[in-house]
Amino acid sequence: MRRAIASSRILALPAFALMALLAVSCGASVELAIGAGGSASIGLGVEVPPAVEARIRRFTASAGAAASAPLFDAAAVSGAVRARGATVDSSRAPTTGSYRGSFRAADLTALIAGTEGLGAALDYRRAPGRASLAFRLDRTTAPALVGLFPGIDAELLESLQPPALYDNPVSVAEYRSMLAGLLGQAALSVIDGQALELRVTLPGPVLELSGAAKAAPGGRSVSISVPALEAMVLAEPVAFCVEWSE
């Protein structure tokens, strides 16, 4: 079975940050705000409910460590983001099973171009008076993108075997049954209530929108929500394209 790619090169941007964190947790959210000049600010949040955290700790490489050890390495994320030329406003693990981060990039185009694997999932373009963003997450892009995130526990990924990251074309129902046997029904019931959430705030009104995202009232932001299990399987791509006026 093909293993997920391992690498330390990362920038915590929506496409791979969501998938990487969702693969080892059960819920993740990203707020991406794009500036009129091509800048961007990113807010990232991950929460592993206690019932799930207790179960997945058995599969981590640090399983013998104290239960108080954080699941997410905030310092590793900070270092990797700075290495890509972005600014870290905050990066912390407020509890052992959660992470919160806030970052800024002066040039989103350069950042995507300079981050290997990111261009397959994010396509940001500017033209006079308008700009666009295309987002795509599928079984082709997910393994490479997750490989860019630091601190993902290889033993944990191997144990959970999320089909989106492995050559394992099972359905959501089949994967759910596998997780029930691995984590227990109580933990699985919690995962059922979690989701991958992405919101993009734009510097101007939406001109065109296609794909899975929805425009918010007022027309200056779009969002997408995917149930956690569907995101971990990716039987269907998660994609949208939005164009706005600048």
Protein backbone atom coordinates (compact mmCIF):
# COMPACT_ATOMS: atom_id res chain seq x y z
CA MET A 1 0.00 0.00 0.00
CA ARG A 2 1.35 3.41 -1.01
CA ARG A 3 2.50 5.47 1.99
CA ALA A 4 1.80 9.15 2.36
CA ILE A 5 4.73 11.33 1.30
CA ALA A 6 6.89 12.68 4.14
CA SER A 7 8.52 16.12 3.96
CA SER A 8 9.29 19.09 6.19
CA ARG A 9 8.53 21.75 3.56
CA ILE A 10 5.28 23.53 4.43
CA LEU A 11 3.26 26.63 4.60
CA ALA A 12 0.05 26.46 6.58
CA LEU A 13 -2.35 27.43 3.80
CA PRO A 14 -5.85 26.02 3.39
CA ALA A 15 -5.47 23.24 0.87
CA PHE A 16 -3.01 21.05 2.69
CA ALA A 17 -3.34 22.39 6.24
CA LEU A 18 -6.95 21.31 6.37
CA MET A 19 -6.35 17.89 4.89
CA ALA A 20 -3.26 17.20 6.97
CA LEU A 21 -4.85 18.14 10.25
CA LEU A 22 -8.15 16.50 9.43
CA ALA A 23 -6.33 13.26 8.69
CA VAL A 24 -5.11 13.06 12.27
CA SER A 25 -7.99 14.74 14.02
CA CYS A 26 -11.62 15.05 13.06
CA GLY A 27 -12.35 18.73 12.54
CA ALA A 28 -10.44 21.68 11.11
CA SER A 29 -11.24 25.20 10.01
CA VAL A 30 -9.38 27.81 8.00
CA GLU A 31 -10.10 31.49 7.47
CA LEU A 32 -8.27 32.90 4.44
CA ALA A 33 -8.52 36.66 3.87
CA ILE A 34 -7.12 37.88 0.55
CA GLY A 35 -6.05 41.52 0.24
CA ALA A 36 -6.57 43.71 -2.83
CA GLY A 37 -2.84 43.82 -3.46
CA GLY A 38 -2.39 40.04 -3.37
CA SER A 39 -1.54 39.70 0.30
CA ALA A 40 -3.19 37.10 2.53
CA SER A 41 -3.85 36.36 6.17
CA ILE A 42 -4.63 32.86 7.39
CA GLY A 43 -6.30 31.66 10.57
CA LEU A 44 -6.13 27.94 11.30
CA GLY A 45 -7.96 26.00 13.99
CA VAL A 46 -8.05 22.30 14.84
CA GLU A 47 -9.96 20.54 17.59
CA VAL A 48 -9.70 16.88 18.58
CA PRO A 49 -12.55 16.08 21.00
CA PRO A 50 -11.38 14.24 24.15
CA ALA A 51 -13.22 11.04 23.23
CA VAL A 52 -11.30 10.86 19.95
CA GLU A 53 -8.00 12.07 21.38
CA ALA A 54 -7.93 9.26 23.95
CA ARG A 55 -8.35 6.67 21.21
CA ILE A 56 -5.92 7.99 18.59
CA ARG A 57 -3.09 8.46 21.11
CA ARG A 58 -2.65 4.68 21.12
CA PHE A 59 -1.43 4.85 17.52
CA THR A 60 1.09 7.69 17.74
CA ALA A 61 4.85 7.26 17.84
CA SER A 62 4.78 9.01 21.22
CA ALA A 63 2.19 6.63 22.64
CA GLY A 64 4.41 6.00 25.65
CA ALA A 65 4.70 9.72 26.43
CA ALA A 66 2.64 11.53 29.00
CA ALA A 67 -0.99 12.10 28.13
CA SER A 68 -0.34 15.80 28.66
CA ALA A 69 1.92 15.98 25.58
CA PRO A 70 0.25 18.10 22.82
CA LEU A 71 -0.81 16.29 19.66
CA PHE A 72 0.26 19.28 17.56
CA ASP A 73 3.74 20.82 17.48
CA ALA A 74 3.09 24.57 17.42
CA ALA A 75 6.81 25.41 17.29
CA ALA A 76 7.34 23.19 14.23
CA VAL A 77 4.51 24.92 12.40
CA SER A 78 5.93 28.36 13.27
CA GLY A 79 9.39 27.45 12.03
CA ALA A 80 8.12 26.05 8.76
CA VAL A 81 5.90 29.06 8.07
CA ARG A 82 8.74 31.50 8.71
CA ALA A 83 11.02 29.46 6.45
CA ARG A 84 8.60 30.25 3.61
CA GLY A 85 8.86 33.98 4.24
CA ALA A 86 5.52 34.42 5.96
CA THR A 87 4.85 36.11 9.29
CA VAL A 88 3.62 34.18 12.33
CA ASP A 89 1.26 36.25 14.45
CA SER A 90 0.45 33.32 16.72
CA SER A 91 0.95 29.56 16.85
CA ARG A 92 -0.13 27.64 19.92
CA ALA A 93 -1.67 24.47 21.28
CA PRO A 94 -4.21 25.75 23.83
CA THR A 95 -5.04 22.18 24.89
CA THR A 96 -3.39 18.81 24.29
CA GLY A 97 -5.84 18.13 21.46
CA SER A 98 -6.14 21.48 19.72
CA TYR A 99 -4.14 23.96 17.65
CA ARG A 100 -4.63 27.65 16.76
CA GLY A 101 -2.49 29.62 14.33
CA SER A 102 -2.56 33.01 12.63
CA PHE A 103 -0.23 33.89 9.73
CA ARG A 104 0.35 36.61 7.11
CA ALA A 105 1.89 36.55 3.63
CA ALA A 106 2.73 39.66 1.63
CA ASP A 107 2.47 37.95 -1.76
CA LEU A 108 0.11 34.98 -2.12
CA THR A 109 1.13 34.32 -5.75
CA ALA A 110 4.82 34.01 -4.87
CA LEU A 111 4.02 31.89 -1.87
CA ILE A 112 2.04 29.35 -3.87
CA ALA A 113 4.65 29.27 -6.63
CA GLY A 114 7.44 28.73 -4.12
CA THR A 115 5.76 25.92 -2.19
CA GLU A 116 6.13 22.55 -3.90
CA GLY A 117 2.81 20.76 -4.36
CA LEU A 118 0.61 23.69 -3.37
CA GLY A 119 -0.07 24.85 -6.93
CA ALA A 120 -1.94 21.62 -7.66
CA ALA A 121 -4.59 22.59 -5.12
CA LEU A 122 -4.60 26.40 -5.20
CA ASP A 123 -4.56 28.62 -8.29
CA TYR A 124 -4.63 32.36 -7.56
CA ARG A 125 -4.65 34.80 -10.49
CA ARG A 126 -4.92 38.56 -10.91
CA ALA A 127 -5.89 40.67 -13.91
CA PRO A 128 -6.79 44.36 -14.23
CA GLY A 129 -9.88 44.96 -12.11
CA ARG A 130 -10.42 41.35 -11.07
CA ALA A 131 -8.84 38.28 -9.48
CA SER A 132 -9.73 34.62 -8.98
CA LEU A 133 -8.99 31.66 -6.75
CA ALA A 134 -9.48 28.01 -7.69
CA PHE A 135 -9.33 25.35 -4.97
CA ARG A 136 -9.18 21.59 -5.58
CA LEU A 137 -8.61 18.75 -3.15
CA ASP A 138 -8.75 15.16 -4.39
CA ARG A 139 -6.96 11.81 -4.03
CA THR A 140 -4.26 12.98 -6.44
CA THR A 141 -3.32 16.19 -4.65
CA ALA A 142 -3.98 15.22 -1.03
CA PRO A 143 -0.96 12.89 -0.41
CA ALA A 144 1.58 15.42 -1.67
CA LEU A 145 -0.07 18.28 0.18
CA VAL A 146 -0.21 16.43 3.49
CA GLY A 147 3.46 15.58 3.06
CA LEU A 148 4.23 19.30 3.32
CA PHE A 149 2.84 19.60 6.84
CA PRO A 150 5.34 19.16 9.71
CA GLY A 151 4.71 16.95 12.67
CA ILE A 152 2.20 14.53 11.15
CA ASP A 153 2.76 11.26 12.97
CA ALA A 154 3.56 8.54 10.41
CA GLU A 155 2.40 5.73 12.69
CA LEU A 156 -0.90 7.48 13.25
CA LEU A 157 -1.49 7.95 9.53
CA GLU A 158 -0.56 4.33 8.89
CA SER A 159 -3.04 3.19 11.54
CA LEU A 160 -5.95 5.36 10.41
CA GLN A 161 -5.29 4.76 6.69
CA PRO A 162 -7.42 7.67 5.43
CA PRO A 163 -8.33 6.65 1.85
CA ALA A 164 -7.69 10.19 0.61
CA LEU A 165 -3.98 9.64 1.35
CA TYR A 166 -3.56 5.98 0.46
CA ASP A 167 -4.25 3.86 -2.60
CA ASN A 168 -7.35 2.44 -0.97
CA PRO A 169 -10.51 3.28 -2.99
CA VAL A 170 -13.08 2.38 -0.34
CA SER A 171 -16.39 4.19 0.13
CA VAL A 172 -17.29 6.49 3.02
CA ALA A 173 -19.49 3.73 4.47
CA GLU A 174 -16.67 1.17 4.27
CA TYR A 175 -14.16 3.51 5.88
CA ARG A 176 -16.64 4.42 8.59
CA SER A 177 -17.02 0.73 9.42
CA MET A 178 -13.24 0.37 9.61
CA LEU A 179 -12.91 3.33 11.97
CA ALA A 180 -15.68 1.95 14.17
CA GLY A 181 -13.62 -1.20 14.71
CA LEU A 182 -10.42 0.78 15.23
CA LEU A 183 -11.60 3.65 17.44
CA GLY A 184 -14.88 2.42 18.85
CA GLN A 185 -18.42 3.55 18.26
CA ALA A 186 -18.31 6.37 20.82
CA ALA A 187 -15.36 8.08 19.14
CA LEU A 188 -16.86 7.52 15.71
CA SER A 189 -20.11 9.18 16.77
CA VAL A 190 -18.09 12.27 17.70
CA ILE A 191 -16.31 12.25 14.32
CA ASP A 192 -19.69 12.11 12.60
CA GLY A 193 -20.40 15.58 13.96
CA GLN A 194 -17.13 17.14 12.76
CA ALA A 195 -16.31 18.85 9.48
CA LEU A 196 -13.67 20.47 7.31
CA GLU A 197 -14.49 24.17 7.10
CA LEU A 198 -12.96 26.73 4.75
CA ARG A 199 -13.94 30.39 4.45
CA VAL A 200 -12.35 32.83 2.02
CA THR A 201 -12.88 36.58 2.52
CA LEU A 202 -12.37 38.66 -0.63
CA PRO A 203 -11.37 42.30 -1.15
CA GLY A 204 -14.27 42.86 -3.58
CA PRO A 205 -17.70 41.53 -4.55
CA VAL A 206 -18.04 38.06 -6.09
CA LEU A 207 -18.45 38.15 -9.88
CA GLU A 208 -18.61 34.40 -10.56
CA LEU A 209 -18.73 31.31 -8.38
CA SER A 210 -18.75 27.64 -9.35
CA GLY A 211 -18.27 24.34 -7.56
CA ALA A 212 -19.02 23.37 -3.98
CA ALA A 213 -18.59 26.75 -2.25
CA LYS A 214 -21.42 29.08 -1.29
CA ALA A 215 -21.35 32.87 -1.27
CA ALA A 216 -22.17 34.59 2.01
CA PRO A 217 -24.76 37.38 2.19
CA GLY A 218 -23.11 40.59 1.01
CA GLY A 219 -21.11 38.79 -1.65
CA ARG A 220 -17.58 39.31 -0.29
CA SER A 221 -16.82 35.85 1.06
CA VAL A 222 -17.35 32.21 0.13
CA SER A 223 -17.29 29.10 2.28
CA ILE A 224 -17.32 25.35 2.05
CA SER A 225 -18.10 22.67 4.63
CA VAL A 226 -17.36 18.97 4.14
CA PRO A 227 -18.22 16.27 6.72
CA ALA A 228 -15.04 14.89 8.28
CA LEU A 229 -15.44 11.35 6.98
CA GLU A 230 -16.10 12.54 3.43
CA ALA A 231 -12.95 14.67 3.59
CA MET A 232 -10.89 11.74 4.86
CA VAL A 233 -12.10 9.56 1.99
CA LEU A 234 -12.40 12.09 -0.88
CA ALA A 235 -14.46 9.76 -3.03
CA GLU A 236 -15.39 12.94 -4.89
CA PRO A 237 -13.13 15.99 -5.32
CA VAL A 238 -13.75 19.06 -3.18
CA ALA A 239 -13.41 22.01 -5.53
CA PHE A 240 -14.61 25.51 -6.28
CA CYS A 241 -13.59 28.58 -8.25
CA VAL A 242 -14.43 32.17 -7.34
CA GLU A 243 -13.77 35.39 -9.25
CA TRP A 244 -14.17 38.84 -7.72
CA SER A 245 -13.83 42.49 -8.55
CA GLU A 246 -10.84 44.47 -7.29
